[in-house]
Amino acid sequence: MAFRRSALSNFLQTTRAFRYSTIPLSSNSPSLIHGIHVFHCPDEVGIVAKLSECIAQHGANIHYVDVFVPEKKQVFYSRSEFVFDPVRWPHDVMLNDFMNIGKLFNAKRSVVRVPDLDPKYKIALLASKQDHCLVDVLHDWQGGRLPVDISCVISNHDRAPNTHVINFLKRHGIPYYYLPADEGNKREREILDLVKGTDFLVLARYMQVLSAGFLESYGKDIINIHHGLLPSFKGSNPAKQAYSAGVKLIGATTHFVTPELDAGPIIEQMVERVSHKDSLQSFVQKSQNLEKQCLRRAIQSYCELRVLPYEGKKTVVF
């Protein structure tokens, strides 16, 4: 991360001026709500100062700023968290203010999110036979740990009526669609109809490869999770293969789905050590736990505007 000296100096001066304002704000005040802004534009002097000035002049208080300026590249990324009084800074005025700054700096991305005012992200979950990632996302949603609304669950695996997943979905009014797929028909047209109106999709161990045509037709982000045993252990039962090979490190990766299989920009990765003391059962359990944690963190990061595209095949994750 690199700050330009003049921009950093202006930023500190601006935030100091606000924090010692004659109109103090308590971040514990019930009238204050939380806002997030992410920015991506060509790099130049004064961006941080202008953003912080915009926030401060409306009586808002910056809680956190992260900036990334890659070395020897004229590109700027930032993410700001702030609290504000929506009476003093109405939502529509805020959107217009940040839009004008985006125009000023020819921004490629300028996104504002106010979790208390904006609707939750609407998602659909796609899963196959394995339940662990699907169940974990459902329970996190139920517990309020994921700021999303789940429109439906789609699977190429039929689940019996009395299973935990089906009972959970019925209890919460979430539709379950069983669409058996094969190489001749992956049911992509039907899936596209079912996911209309969603903001992004989550593949919770969905074992079908989505075609380039599907990705183009959907046109929004799709998050996938897979174990970190690839590419060494392919095919059926990779965990058993890895266990038999005596691997010492396992992992999980979440990434955006692209036409190239399992090669999209990485959002999150996690690893854990295993040893000769692990049984096959404990080995598999550790691997599945990593997958659940990795997927959960990726969804949270995405919803909190922490993930930005970078150089095509990479991401900035604040």
C-alpha atoms as a PDB file:
ATOM      1  CA  MET A   1       0.000   0.000   0.000  1.00  0.00           C
ATOM      2  CA  ALA A   2       1.357   3.408  -0.885  1.00  0.00           C
ATOM      3  CA  PHE A   3       0.144   6.882   0.067  1.00  0.00           C
ATOM      4  CA  ARG A   4       1.481   9.897  -1.721  1.00  0.00           C
ATOM      5  CA  ARG A   5       2.873  12.339   0.807  1.00  0.00           C
ATOM      6  CA  SER A   6       0.733  15.272  -0.233  1.00  0.00           C
ATOM      7  CA  ALA A   7      -2.445  13.181  -0.346  1.00  0.00           C
ATOM      8  CA  LEU A   8      -1.737  11.689   3.075  1.00  0.00           C
ATOM      9  CA  SER A   9      -1.005  15.130   4.522  1.00  0.00           C
ATOM     10  CA  ASN A  10      -4.255  16.528   3.127  1.00  0.00           C
ATOM     11  CA  PHE A  11      -6.156  13.505   4.381  1.00  0.00           C
ATOM     12  CA  LEU A  12      -4.836  13.875   7.920  1.00  0.00           C
ATOM     13  CA  GLN A  13      -5.504  17.603   7.919  1.00  0.00           C
ATOM     14  CA  THR A  14      -9.077  17.051   6.726  1.00  0.00           C
ATOM     15  CA  THR A  15      -9.907  14.328   9.211  1.00  0.00           C
ATOM     16  CA  ARG A  16      -8.301  16.274  12.080  1.00  0.00           C
ATOM     17  CA  ALA A  17     -10.335  19.328  11.137  1.00  0.00           C
ATOM     18  CA  PHE A  18     -13.522  17.291  11.320  1.00  0.00           C
ATOM     19  CA  ARG A  19     -12.743  15.364  14.476  1.00  0.00           C
ATOM     20  CA  TYR A  20     -12.159  18.583  16.326  1.00  0.00           C
ATOM     21  CA  SER A  21     -15.190  20.255  14.763  1.00  0.00           C
ATOM     22  CA  THR A  22     -17.404  22.508  16.826  1.00  0.00           C
ATOM     23  CA  ILE A  23     -20.285  20.184  15.882  1.00  0.00           C
ATOM     24  CA  PRO A  24     -19.122  16.970  17.554  1.00  0.00           C
ATOM     25  CA  LEU A  25     -20.678  13.641  16.642  1.00  0.00           C
ATOM     26  CA  SER A  26     -20.714  10.597  18.861  1.00  0.00           C
ATOM     27  CA  SER A  27     -20.396   7.385  16.893  1.00  0.00           C
ATOM     28  CA  ASN A  28     -22.709   5.873  19.537  1.00  0.00           C
ATOM     29  CA  SER A  29     -25.508   8.275  18.664  1.00  0.00           C
ATOM     30  CA  PRO A  30     -28.682   6.387  17.628  1.00  0.00           C
ATOM     31  CA  SER A  31     -29.130   8.762  14.686  1.00  0.00           C
ATOM     32  CA  LEU A  32     -25.836   7.720  13.058  1.00  0.00           C
ATOM     33  CA  ILE A  33     -25.634   4.895  10.558  1.00  0.00           C
ATOM     34  CA  HIS A  34     -22.791   3.100   8.833  1.00  0.00           C
ATOM     35  CA  GLY A  35     -21.686   3.733   5.240  1.00  0.00           C
ATOM     36  CA  ILE A  36     -19.112   2.122   2.946  1.00  0.00           C
ATOM     37  CA  HIS A  37     -17.540   3.570  -0.179  1.00  0.00           C
ATOM     38  CA  VAL A  38     -15.136   1.909  -2.609  1.00  0.00           C
ATOM     39  CA  PHE A  39     -13.257   3.746  -5.336  1.00  0.00           C
ATOM     40  CA  HIS A  40     -11.157   2.684  -8.307  1.00  0.00           C
ATOM     41  CA  CYS A  41      -9.694   5.236 -10.676  1.00  0.00           C
ATOM     42  CA  PRO A  42      -6.465   6.356 -12.386  1.00  0.00           C
ATOM     43  CA  ASP A  43      -4.001   7.530  -9.761  1.00  0.00           C
ATOM     44  CA  GLU A  44      -3.329  11.216  -9.201  1.00  0.00           C
ATOM     45  CA  VAL A  45      -2.594  13.548  -6.305  1.00  0.00           C
ATOM     46  CA  GLY A  46      -5.563  14.671  -4.223  1.00  0.00           C
ATOM     47  CA  ILE A  47      -7.938  11.702  -4.443  1.00  0.00           C
ATOM     48  CA  VAL A  48      -7.848  10.804  -0.739  1.00  0.00           C
ATOM     49  CA  ALA A  49      -8.154  14.449   0.232  1.00  0.00           C
ATOM     50  CA  LYS A  50     -11.201  14.941  -1.971  1.00  0.00           C
ATOM     51  CA  LEU A  51     -12.937  11.806  -0.695  1.00  0.00           C
ATOM     52  CA  SER A  52     -12.312  12.647   2.953  1.00  0.00           C
ATOM     53  CA  GLU A  53     -13.379  16.254   2.389  1.00  0.00           C
ATOM     54  CA  CYS A  54     -16.664  15.042   0.886  1.00  0.00           C
ATOM     55  CA  ILE A  55     -17.348  12.869   3.924  1.00  0.00           C
ATOM     56  CA  ALA A  56     -16.278  15.474   6.489  1.00  0.00           C
ATOM     57  CA  GLN A  57     -18.159  18.419   5.036  1.00  0.00           C
ATOM     58  CA  HIS A  58     -21.441  16.607   5.674  1.00  0.00           C
ATOM     59  CA  GLY A  59     -20.595  16.087   9.341  1.00  0.00           C
ATOM     60  CA  ALA A  60     -19.722  12.427   8.872  1.00  0.00           C
ATOM     61  CA  ASN A  61     -16.923  10.661  10.717  1.00  0.00           C
ATOM     62  CA  ILE A  62     -14.402   8.403   8.985  1.00  0.00           C
ATOM     63  CA  HIS A  63     -13.730   5.232  10.953  1.00  0.00           C
ATOM     64  CA  TYR A  64     -11.459   3.391   8.549  1.00  0.00           C
ATOM     65  CA  VAL A  65      -9.702   4.013   5.228  1.00  0.00           C
ATOM     66  CA  ASP A  66      -7.616   1.586   3.226  1.00  0.00           C
ATOM     67  CA  VAL A  67      -5.764   2.629   0.077  1.00  0.00           C
ATOM     68  CA  PHE A  68      -3.830   0.577  -2.445  1.00  0.00           C
ATOM     69  CA  VAL A  69      -1.680   2.129  -5.164  1.00  0.00           C
ATOM     70  CA  PRO A  70       0.349  -0.586  -6.922  1.00  0.00           C
ATOM     71  CA  GLU A  71       4.011   0.229  -7.433  1.00  0.00           C
ATOM     72  CA  LYS A  72       4.781   1.651 -10.885  1.00  0.00           C
ATOM     73  CA  LYS A  73       1.117   1.528 -11.924  1.00  0.00           C
ATOM     74  CA  GLN A  74      -1.093   4.577 -12.344  1.00  0.00           C
ATOM     75  CA  VAL A  75      -4.129   3.100 -10.609  1.00  0.00           C
ATOM     76  CA  PHE A  76      -5.796   3.883  -7.289  1.00  0.00           C
ATOM     77  CA  TYR A  77      -8.029   1.747  -5.053  1.00  0.00           C
ATOM     78  CA  SER A  78      -9.660   2.766  -1.783  1.00  0.00           C
ATOM     79  CA  ARG A  79     -12.286   1.609   0.670  1.00  0.00           C
ATOM     80  CA  SER A  80     -13.721   3.894   3.352  1.00  0.00           C
ATOM     81  CA  GLU A  81     -16.016   3.192   6.294  1.00  0.00           C
ATOM     82  CA  PHE A  82     -17.786   6.098   7.955  1.00  0.00           C
ATOM     83  CA  VAL A  83     -20.760   6.970  10.136  1.00  0.00           C
ATOM     84  CA  PHE A  84     -23.174   9.720   9.216  1.00  0.00           C
ATOM     85  CA  ASP A  85     -26.492  11.291  10.118  1.00  0.00           C
ATOM     86  CA  PRO A  86     -28.952  10.591   7.258  1.00  0.00           C
ATOM     87  CA  VAL A  87     -30.845  13.765   8.132  1.00  0.00           C
ATOM     88  CA  ARG A  88     -27.742  15.907   7.563  1.00  0.00           C
ATOM     89  CA  TRP A  89     -26.586  13.813   4.589  1.00  0.00           C
ATOM     90  CA  PRO A  90     -29.580  12.208   2.846  1.00  0.00           C
ATOM     91  CA  HIS A  91     -28.924   8.986   0.972  1.00  0.00           C
ATOM     92  CA  ASP A  92     -29.713  10.400  -2.479  1.00  0.00           C
ATOM     93  CA  VAL A  93     -27.451  13.398  -1.854  1.00  0.00           C
ATOM     94  CA  MET A  94     -24.642  11.068  -0.762  1.00  0.00           C
ATOM     95  CA  LEU A  95     -24.968   8.995  -3.933  1.00  0.00           C
ATOM     96  CA  ASN A  96     -24.839  12.143  -6.046  1.00  0.00           C
ATOM     97  CA  ASP A  97     -21.820  13.517  -4.160  1.00  0.00           C
ATOM     98  CA  PHE A  98     -19.777  10.348  -4.694  1.00  0.00           C
ATOM     99  CA  MET A  99     -20.939  10.140  -8.312  1.00  0.00           C
ATOM    100  CA  ASN A 100     -19.570  13.645  -8.925  1.00  0.00           C
ATOM    101  CA  ILE A 101     -16.220  12.689  -7.393  1.00  0.00           C
ATOM    102  CA  GLY A 102     -16.194   9.637  -9.653  1.00  0.00           C
ATOM    103  CA  LYS A 103     -16.668  11.873 -12.671  1.00  0.00           C
ATOM    104  CA  LEU A 104     -13.963  14.248 -11.442  1.00  0.00           C
ATOM    105  CA  PHE A 105     -11.368  11.453 -11.296  1.00  0.00           C
ATOM    106  CA  ASN A 106     -12.688   9.403 -14.227  1.00  0.00           C
ATOM    107  CA  ALA A 107     -13.413   6.506 -11.876  1.00  0.00           C
ATOM    108  CA  LYS A 108     -13.879   2.976 -13.162  1.00  0.00           C
ATOM    109  CA  ARG A 109     -15.783   2.101 -10.000  1.00  0.00           C
ATOM    110  CA  SER A 110     -17.391   4.244  -7.308  1.00  0.00           C
ATOM    111  CA  VAL A 111     -19.852   2.302  -5.176  1.00  0.00           C
ATOM    112  CA  VAL A 112     -21.625   3.363  -1.987  1.00  0.00           C
ATOM    113  CA  ARG A 113     -23.435   0.992   0.333  1.00  0.00           C
ATOM    114  CA  VAL A 114     -25.463   1.859   3.420  1.00  0.00           C
ATOM    115  CA  PRO A 115     -26.403  -1.490   5.000  1.00  0.00           C
ATOM    116  CA  ASP A 116     -29.210  -0.025   7.132  1.00  0.00           C
ATOM    117  CA  LEU A 117     -30.879   1.628   4.132  1.00  0.00           C
ATOM    118  CA  ASP A 118     -29.970  -0.473   1.108  1.00  0.00           C
ATOM    119  CA  PRO A 119     -31.727  -3.775   0.451  1.00  0.00           C
ATOM    120  CA  LYS A 120     -29.772  -6.912   1.290  1.00  0.00           C
ATOM    121  CA  TYR A 121     -28.065  -8.701  -1.553  1.00  0.00           C
ATOM    122  CA  LYS A 122     -30.372 -11.255  -3.131  1.00  0.00           C
ATOM    123  CA  ILE A 123     -28.608 -14.534  -3.892  1.00  0.00           C
ATOM    124  CA  ALA A 124     -29.338 -18.064  -5.068  1.00  0.00           C
ATOM    125  CA  LEU A 125     -27.414 -21.099  -3.847  1.00  0.00           C
ATOM    126  CA  LEU A 126     -26.423 -23.956  -6.147  1.00  0.00           C
ATOM    127  CA  ALA A 127     -25.330 -27.233  -4.584  1.00  0.00           C
ATOM    128  CA  SER A 128     -24.833 -30.887  -5.438  1.00  0.00           C
ATOM    129  CA  LYS A 129     -24.803 -33.896  -3.109  1.00  0.00           C
ATOM    130  CA  GLN A 130     -22.465 -32.639  -0.383  1.00  0.00           C
ATOM    131  CA  ASP A 131     -24.296 -30.563   2.233  1.00  0.00           C
ATOM    132  CA  HIS A 132     -21.588 -29.020   4.402  1.00  0.00           C
ATOM    133  CA  CYS A 133     -21.144 -25.695   2.575  1.00  0.00           C
ATOM    134  CA  LEU A 134     -24.851 -25.344   1.816  1.00  0.00           C
ATOM    135  CA  VAL A 135     -25.865 -25.997   5.420  1.00  0.00           C
ATOM    136  CA  ASP A 136     -23.226 -23.609   6.743  1.00  0.00           C
ATOM    137  CA  VAL A 137     -24.425 -20.751   4.511  1.00  0.00           C
ATOM    138  CA  LEU A 138     -28.047 -21.413   5.485  1.00  0.00           C
ATOM    139  CA  HIS A 139     -27.235 -21.387   9.200  1.00  0.00           C
ATOM    140  CA  ASP A 140     -25.125 -18.233   8.880  1.00  0.00           C
ATOM    141  CA  TRP A 141     -28.006 -16.577   7.048  1.00  0.00           C
ATOM    142  CA  GLN A 142     -30.433 -17.702   9.754  1.00  0.00           C
ATOM    143  CA  GLY A 143     -28.145 -16.307  12.456  1.00  0.00           C
ATOM    144  CA  GLY A 144     -27.860 -12.926  10.717  1.00  0.00           C
ATOM    145  CA  ARG A 145     -24.153 -13.350  10.039  1.00  0.00           C
ATOM    146  CA  LEU A 146     -24.559 -12.984   6.275  1.00  0.00           C
ATOM    147  CA  PRO A 147     -26.285  -9.816   5.003  1.00  0.00           C
ATOM    148  CA  VAL A 148     -28.163 -11.581   2.183  1.00  0.00           C
ATOM    149  CA  ASP A 149     -31.634 -12.773   1.244  1.00  0.00           C
ATOM    150  CA  ILE A 150     -31.709 -16.288  -0.217  1.00  0.00           C
ATOM    151  CA  SER A 151     -34.173 -16.537  -3.097  1.00  0.00           C
ATOM    152  CA  CYS A 152     -33.832 -20.279  -3.697  1.00  0.00           C
ATOM    153  CA  VAL A 153     -31.613 -23.356  -3.601  1.00  0.00           C
ATOM    154  CA  ILE A 154     -30.970 -25.213  -6.853  1.00  0.00           C
ATOM    155  CA  SER A 155     -29.456 -28.683  -6.972  1.00  0.00           C
ATOM    156  CA  ASN A 156     -28.756 -31.491  -9.403  1.00  0.00           C
ATOM    157  CA  HIS A 157     -29.168 -33.887  -6.477  1.00  0.00           C
ATOM    158  CA  ASP A 158     -32.557 -34.980  -5.180  1.00  0.00           C
ATOM    159  CA  ARG A 159     -32.955 -34.714  -1.405  1.00  0.00           C
ATOM    160  CA  ALA A 160     -35.507 -36.727   0.494  1.00  0.00           C
ATOM    161  CA  PRO A 161     -38.444 -34.787   2.020  1.00  0.00           C
ATOM    162  CA  ASN A 162     -37.404 -35.422   5.625  1.00  0.00           C
ATOM    163  CA  THR A 163     -33.747 -34.367   5.331  1.00  0.00           C
ATOM    164  CA  HIS A 164     -32.295 -31.525   7.388  1.00  0.00           C
ATOM    165  CA  VAL A 165     -31.831 -29.262   4.348  1.00  0.00           C
ATOM    166  CA  ILE A 166     -35.378 -29.712   3.016  1.00  0.00           C
ATOM    167  CA  ASN A 167     -36.926 -29.258   6.461  1.00  0.00           C
ATOM    168  CA  PHE A 168     -34.871 -26.091   7.005  1.00  0.00           C
ATOM    169  CA  LEU A 169     -35.868 -24.636   3.626  1.00  0.00           C
ATOM    170  CA  LYS A 170     -39.552 -25.407   4.166  1.00  0.00           C
ATOM    171  CA  ARG A 171     -39.442 -23.864   7.620  1.00  0.00           C
ATOM    172  CA  HIS A 172     -38.020 -20.625   6.210  1.00  0.00           C
ATOM    173  CA  GLY A 173     -40.016 -20.539   2.975  1.00  0.00           C
ATOM    174  CA  ILE A 174     -37.011 -20.943   0.659  1.00  0.00           C
ATOM    175  CA  PRO A 175     -37.829 -22.857  -2.554  1.00  0.00           C
ATOM    176  CA  TYR A 176     -35.766 -25.932  -3.461  1.00  0.00           C
ATOM    177  CA  TYR A 177     -35.459 -26.841  -7.135  1.00  0.00           C
ATOM    178  CA  TYR A 178     -34.184 -30.247  -8.179  1.00  0.00           C
ATOM    179  CA  LEU A 179     -32.790 -30.077 -11.718  1.00  0.00           C
ATOM    180  CA  PRO A 180     -30.998 -33.308 -12.646  1.00  0.00           C
ATOM    181  CA  ALA A 181     -28.241 -32.550 -15.132  1.00  0.00           C
ATOM    182  CA  ASP A 182     -26.047 -34.514 -17.496  1.00  0.00           C
ATOM    183  CA  GLU A 183     -23.538 -33.725 -20.221  1.00  0.00           C
ATOM    184  CA  GLY A 184     -26.324 -33.399 -22.764  1.00  0.00           C
ATOM    185  CA  ASN A 185     -28.462 -31.036 -20.732  1.00  0.00           C
ATOM    186  CA  LYS A 186     -27.146 -29.028 -17.785  1.00  0.00           C
ATOM    187  CA  ARG A 187     -30.520 -27.293 -17.321  1.00  0.00           C
ATOM    188  CA  GLU A 188     -28.902 -23.887 -17.707  1.00  0.00           C
ATOM    189  CA  ARG A 189     -31.938 -22.231 -19.290  1.00  0.00           C
ATOM    190  CA  GLU A 190     -34.062 -23.228 -16.322  1.00  0.00           C
ATOM    191  CA  ILE A 191     -31.406 -22.106 -13.864  1.00  0.00           C
ATOM    192  CA  LEU A 192     -31.236 -18.709 -15.561  1.00  0.00           C
ATOM    193  CA  ASP A 193     -35.002 -18.328 -15.195  1.00  0.00           C
ATOM    194  CA  LEU A 194     -34.835 -19.240 -11.508  1.00  0.00           C
ATOM    195  CA  VAL A 195     -32.027 -16.801 -10.669  1.00  0.00           C
ATOM    196  CA  LYS A 196     -33.500 -13.745 -12.375  1.00  0.00           C
ATOM    197  CA  GLY A 197     -33.327 -10.738 -10.088  1.00  0.00           C
ATOM    198  CA  THR A 198     -30.461 -12.066  -7.965  1.00  0.00           C
ATOM    199  CA  ASP A 199     -27.400  -9.926  -7.289  1.00  0.00           C
ATOM    200  CA  PHE A 200     -24.908 -12.801  -7.367  1.00  0.00           C
ATOM    201  CA  LEU A 201     -24.776 -16.594  -7.175  1.00  0.00           C
ATOM    202  CA  VAL A 202     -22.985 -18.890  -4.736  1.00  0.00           C
ATOM    203  CA  LEU A 203     -21.844 -22.353  -5.806  1.00  0.00           C
ATOM    204  CA  ALA A 204     -21.867 -24.231  -2.504  1.00  0.00           C
ATOM    205  CA  ARG A 205     -20.057 -27.307  -3.830  1.00  0.00           C
ATOM    206  CA  TYR A 206     -22.032 -27.392  -7.079  1.00  0.00           C
ATOM    207  CA  MET A 207     -20.270 -30.014  -9.139  1.00  0.00           C
ATOM    208  CA  GLN A 208     -21.486 -28.943 -12.591  1.00  0.00           C
ATOM    209  CA  VAL A 209     -19.374 -26.744 -14.862  1.00  0.00           C
ATOM    210  CA  LEU A 210     -21.299 -23.668 -15.986  1.00  0.00           C
ATOM    211  CA  SER A 211     -20.869 -22.847 -19.666  1.00  0.00           C
ATOM    212  CA  ALA A 212     -19.473 -19.619 -21.061  1.00  0.00           C
ATOM    213  CA  GLY A 213     -22.936 -18.961 -22.511  1.00  0.00           C
ATOM    214  CA  PHE A 214     -24.502 -19.218 -19.069  1.00  0.00           C
ATOM    215  CA  LEU A 215     -21.943 -16.842 -17.577  1.00  0.00           C
ATOM    216  CA  GLU A 216     -22.545 -14.325 -20.346  1.00  0.00           C
ATOM    217  CA  SER A 217     -26.323 -14.586 -20.057  1.00  0.00           C
ATOM    218  CA  TYR A 218     -26.294 -14.201 -16.276  1.00  0.00           C
ATOM    219  CA  GLY A 219     -23.832 -11.315 -16.459  1.00  0.00           C
ATOM    220  CA  LYS A 220     -23.193 -10.977 -12.722  1.00  0.00           C
ATOM    221  CA  ASP A 221     -20.683 -12.367 -10.258  1.00  0.00           C
ATOM    222  CA  ILE A 222     -20.667 -16.030  -9.284  1.00  0.00           C
ATOM    223  CA  ILE A 223     -18.642 -17.221  -6.276  1.00  0.00           C
ATOM    224  CA  ASN A 224     -17.313 -20.781  -6.170  1.00  0.00           C
ATOM    225  CA  ILE A 225     -15.607 -22.827  -3.454  1.00  0.00           C
ATOM    226  CA  HIS A 226     -13.346 -25.815  -3.944  1.00  0.00           C
ATOM    227  CA  HIS A 227     -10.880 -27.763  -1.852  1.00  0.00           C
ATOM    228  CA  GLY A 228      -7.175 -27.008  -2.060  1.00  0.00           C
ATOM    229  CA  LEU A 229      -6.171 -30.539  -3.050  1.00  0.00           C
ATOM    230  CA  LEU A 230      -6.183 -29.638  -6.736  1.00  0.00           C
ATOM    231  CA  PRO A 231      -4.452 -30.035  -9.123  1.00  0.00           C
ATOM    232  CA  SER A 232      -2.542 -32.961  -7.636  1.00  0.00           C
ATOM    233  CA  PHE A 233      -5.580 -35.016  -6.601  1.00  0.00           C
ATOM    234  CA  LYS A 234      -8.238 -35.070  -9.277  1.00  0.00           C
ATOM    235  CA  GLY A 235     -11.251 -37.264  -9.894  1.00  0.00           C
ATOM    236  CA  SER A 236     -13.287 -39.139  -7.321  1.00  0.00           C
ATOM    237  CA  ASN A 237     -12.534 -38.936  -3.616  1.00  0.00           C
ATOM    238  CA  PRO A 238      -9.608 -36.483  -3.727  1.00  0.00           C
ATOM    239  CA  ALA A 239      -9.492 -36.335   0.089  1.00  0.00           C
ATOM    240  CA  LYS A 240      -8.753 -40.058   0.272  1.00  0.00           C
ATOM    241  CA  GLN A 241      -6.096 -39.677  -2.417  1.00  0.00           C
ATOM    242  CA  ALA A 242      -4.432 -36.839  -0.511  1.00  0.00           C
ATOM    243  CA  TYR A 243      -4.684 -38.698   2.788  1.00  0.00           C
ATOM    244  CA  SER A 244      -3.087 -41.787   1.257  1.00  0.00           C
ATOM    245  CA  ALA A 245      -0.308 -39.619  -0.177  1.00  0.00           C
ATOM    246  CA  GLY A 246       0.464 -38.238   3.290  1.00  0.00           C
ATOM    247  CA  VAL A 247       0.037 -34.547   2.508  1.00  0.00           C
ATOM    248  CA  LYS A 248       0.869 -32.167   5.362  1.00  0.00           C
ATOM    249  CA  LEU A 249      -1.059 -29.081   4.284  1.00  0.00           C
ATOM    250  CA  ILE A 250      -4.655 -28.804   3.067  1.00  0.00           C
ATOM    251  CA  GLY A 251      -6.641 -25.785   2.006  1.00  0.00           C
ATOM    252  CA  ALA A 252      -9.675 -24.236   0.360  1.00  0.00           C
ATOM    253  CA  THR A 253     -10.123 -21.520  -2.258  1.00  0.00           C
ATOM    254  CA  THR A 254     -13.023 -19.243  -3.142  1.00  0.00           C
ATOM    255  CA  HIS A 255     -12.910 -17.515  -6.499  1.00  0.00           C
ATOM    256  CA  PHE A 256     -15.083 -15.865  -9.111  1.00  0.00           C
ATOM    257  CA  VAL A 257     -16.334 -18.183 -11.828  1.00  0.00           C
ATOM    258  CA  THR A 258     -14.965 -17.600 -15.329  1.00  0.00           C
ATOM    259  CA  PRO A 259     -15.118 -19.676 -18.517  1.00  0.00           C
ATOM    260  CA  GLU A 260     -11.729 -21.159 -17.592  1.00  0.00           C
ATOM    261  CA  LEU A 261     -12.353 -23.945 -15.065  1.00  0.00           C
ATOM    262  CA  ASP A 262     -11.313 -23.078 -11.468  1.00  0.00           C
ATOM    263  CA  ALA A 263      -9.111 -20.251 -12.727  1.00  0.00           C
ATOM    264  CA  GLY A 264     -11.136 -17.151 -11.845  1.00  0.00           C
ATOM    265  CA  PRO A 265      -9.842 -14.320  -9.651  1.00  0.00           C
ATOM    266  CA  ILE A 266      -9.242 -15.562  -6.112  1.00  0.00           C
ATOM    267  CA  ILE A 267     -11.237 -13.998  -3.279  1.00  0.00           C
ATOM    268  CA  GLU A 268     -10.109 -16.012  -0.262  1.00  0.00           C
ATOM    269  CA  GLN A 269      -7.807 -18.910   0.599  1.00  0.00           C
ATOM    270  CA  MET A 270      -7.275 -20.833   3.830  1.00  0.00           C
ATOM    271  CA  VAL A 271      -4.890 -23.565   4.861  1.00  0.00           C
ATOM    272  CA  GLU A 272      -4.444 -25.953   7.786  1.00  0.00           C
ATOM    273  CA  ARG A 273      -1.804 -28.457   8.725  1.00  0.00           C
ATOM    274  CA  VAL A 274      -2.563 -32.169   8.907  1.00  0.00           C
ATOM    275  CA  SER A 275      -0.301 -34.945  10.114  1.00  0.00           C
ATOM    276  CA  HIS A 276       0.186 -38.667  10.461  1.00  0.00           C
ATOM    277  CA  LYS A 277      -2.012 -38.489  13.562  1.00  0.00           C
ATOM    278  CA  ASP A 278      -5.096 -37.651  11.481  1.00  0.00           C
ATOM    279  CA  SER A 279      -7.503 -40.388  10.520  1.00  0.00           C
ATOM    280  CA  LEU A 280      -9.239 -40.221   7.163  1.00  0.00           C
ATOM    281  CA  GLN A 281     -12.340 -38.997   9.001  1.00  0.00           C
ATOM    282  CA  SER A 282     -10.533 -36.138  10.783  1.00  0.00           C
ATOM    283  CA  PHE A 283      -8.711 -35.297   7.544  1.00  0.00           C
ATOM    284  CA  VAL A 284     -12.001 -34.942   5.656  1.00  0.00           C
ATOM    285  CA  GLN A 285     -13.563 -32.980   8.536  1.00  0.00           C
ATOM    286  CA  LYS A 286     -10.716 -30.478   8.561  1.00  0.00           C
ATOM    287  CA  SER A 287     -10.967 -30.068   4.798  1.00  0.00           C
ATOM    288  CA  GLN A 288     -14.719 -29.463   4.918  1.00  0.00           C
ATOM    289  CA  ASN A 289     -14.378 -26.994   7.797  1.00  0.00           C
ATOM    290  CA  LEU A 290     -11.897 -25.002   5.736  1.00  0.00           C
ATOM    291  CA  GLU A 291     -14.290 -24.949   2.797  1.00  0.00           C
ATOM    292  CA  LYS A 292     -17.125 -23.648   4.986  1.00  0.00           C
ATOM    293  CA  GLN A 293     -14.991 -20.937   6.593  1.00  0.00           C
ATOM    294  CA  CYS A 294     -13.475 -19.890   3.284  1.00  0.00           C
ATOM    295  CA  LEU A 295     -16.854 -19.585   1.547  1.00  0.00           C
ATOM    296  CA  ARG A 296     -18.377 -17.703   4.485  1.00  0.00           C
ATOM    297  CA  ARG A 297     -15.560 -15.165   4.538  1.00  0.00           C
ATOM    298  CA  ALA A 298     -15.739 -14.660   0.779  1.00  0.00           C
ATOM    299  CA  ILE A 299     -19.467 -13.923   0.899  1.00  0.00           C
ATOM    300  CA  GLN A 300     -18.987 -11.535   3.817  1.00  0.00           C
ATOM    301  CA  SER A 301     -16.122  -9.746   2.064  1.00  0.00           C
ATOM    302  CA  TYR A 302     -18.140  -9.411  -1.123  1.00  0.00           C
ATOM    303  CA  CYS A 303     -21.178  -7.999   0.688  1.00  0.00           C
ATOM    304  CA  GLU A 304     -18.983  -5.532   2.601  1.00  0.00           C
ATOM    305  CA  LEU A 305     -17.491  -4.198  -0.659  1.00  0.00           C
ATOM    306  CA  ARG A 306     -14.028  -5.500   0.202  1.00  0.00           C
ATOM    307  CA  VAL A 307     -13.401  -7.235  -3.133  1.00  0.00           C
ATOM    308  CA  LEU A 308     -12.337  -5.306  -6.233  1.00  0.00           C
ATOM    309  CA  PRO A 309     -11.103  -6.630  -9.598  1.00  0.00           C
ATOM    310  CA  TYR A 310      -7.409  -6.065 -10.239  1.00  0.00           C
ATOM    311  CA  GLU A 311      -5.482  -6.645 -13.462  1.00  0.00           C
ATOM    312  CA  GLY A 312      -8.083  -8.973 -14.895  1.00  0.00           C
ATOM    313  CA  LYS A 313      -7.124 -12.200 -13.157  1.00  0.00           C
ATOM    314  CA  LYS A 314      -6.518 -10.893  -9.636  1.00  0.00           C
ATOM    315  CA  THR A 315      -8.426  -9.107  -6.878  1.00  0.00           C
ATOM    316  CA  VAL A 316      -7.814  -6.433  -4.288  1.00  0.00           C
ATOM    317  CA  VAL A 317      -9.360  -7.608  -1.019  1.00  0.00           C
ATOM    318  CA  PHE A 318      -9.402  -4.913   1.659  1.00  0.00           C
END
